C-alpha cells in the first residue's frame, strides 16, 4: 500500500476516536519515514509569516538537551533513588500480569525480534568505550554486597551438585554421560532455586 504524497502544507484535522488517532499516527509516521521533507514539516508549525515555531526539537537539539540536563542531574538522581515514590519491589510484583501480557504481545507481534534486529553492535561498543573500564569496575564494586548475597546462596548449591555428581560412577562412557546429564539437571534446579 503506497501512501499519498503529503500536501505542501499539511494540516492535521481533528479526530474523534482513539482508533482514528491511532490510524492517523500510523499514516503520519509512515509518511514521515518516506519523506524527509514531510518529516520536517510535521515537526514544525507555521505561526504567522515568516515565523516558524518547532513542535518538537531536532534530533540533535533533543539529544544535546537530554545529555546536558542528565549531566547536571546527578545529585537529584541520588536523592530520588533514596526516596522512591513507591516500593519498586511491590510495584514490580503487582505488575506481574501486565509484564506477562506485554511479553506475550511482544513475541506474538514479533516486536521483540524487530527490536533486536535494530541492535547496533558498533554503537554499543562506542557507548561502552565512552563509559570506559572504570564504569564497569565501578558498577561491579558498587554491587559487591548484592553479588556476595547471590554467591552466598549459590555456593552451597554448587557444592551440593559437585558432591552429587562425583558420587556417580565414572568407569564407562555411559557412566560419564550419566554424570553430564545429572550435572545438567542439577544446574537447572540451581537456576530455579536462585530465582525462588
Foldseek 3Di string as FASTA:
>chain_A
DDADQADPQHDDDDDDDPVVVVVVVVNLVVNCVVDVSSVVNVQWDCDPPPDIHGNDDDPVVVVVVVVVVVVVCPVVVVVCVVPPPDDVVVVCVVCVVVVVVVVVVCVVVVVVVVVVVPDDPVVVVVVDVVCNPVVVVVVCVVCVVVVVVLCVLLVVLVVVLVVVLVVFDDPDPVRVVVSVVSSVVSVVVSVVVSVD
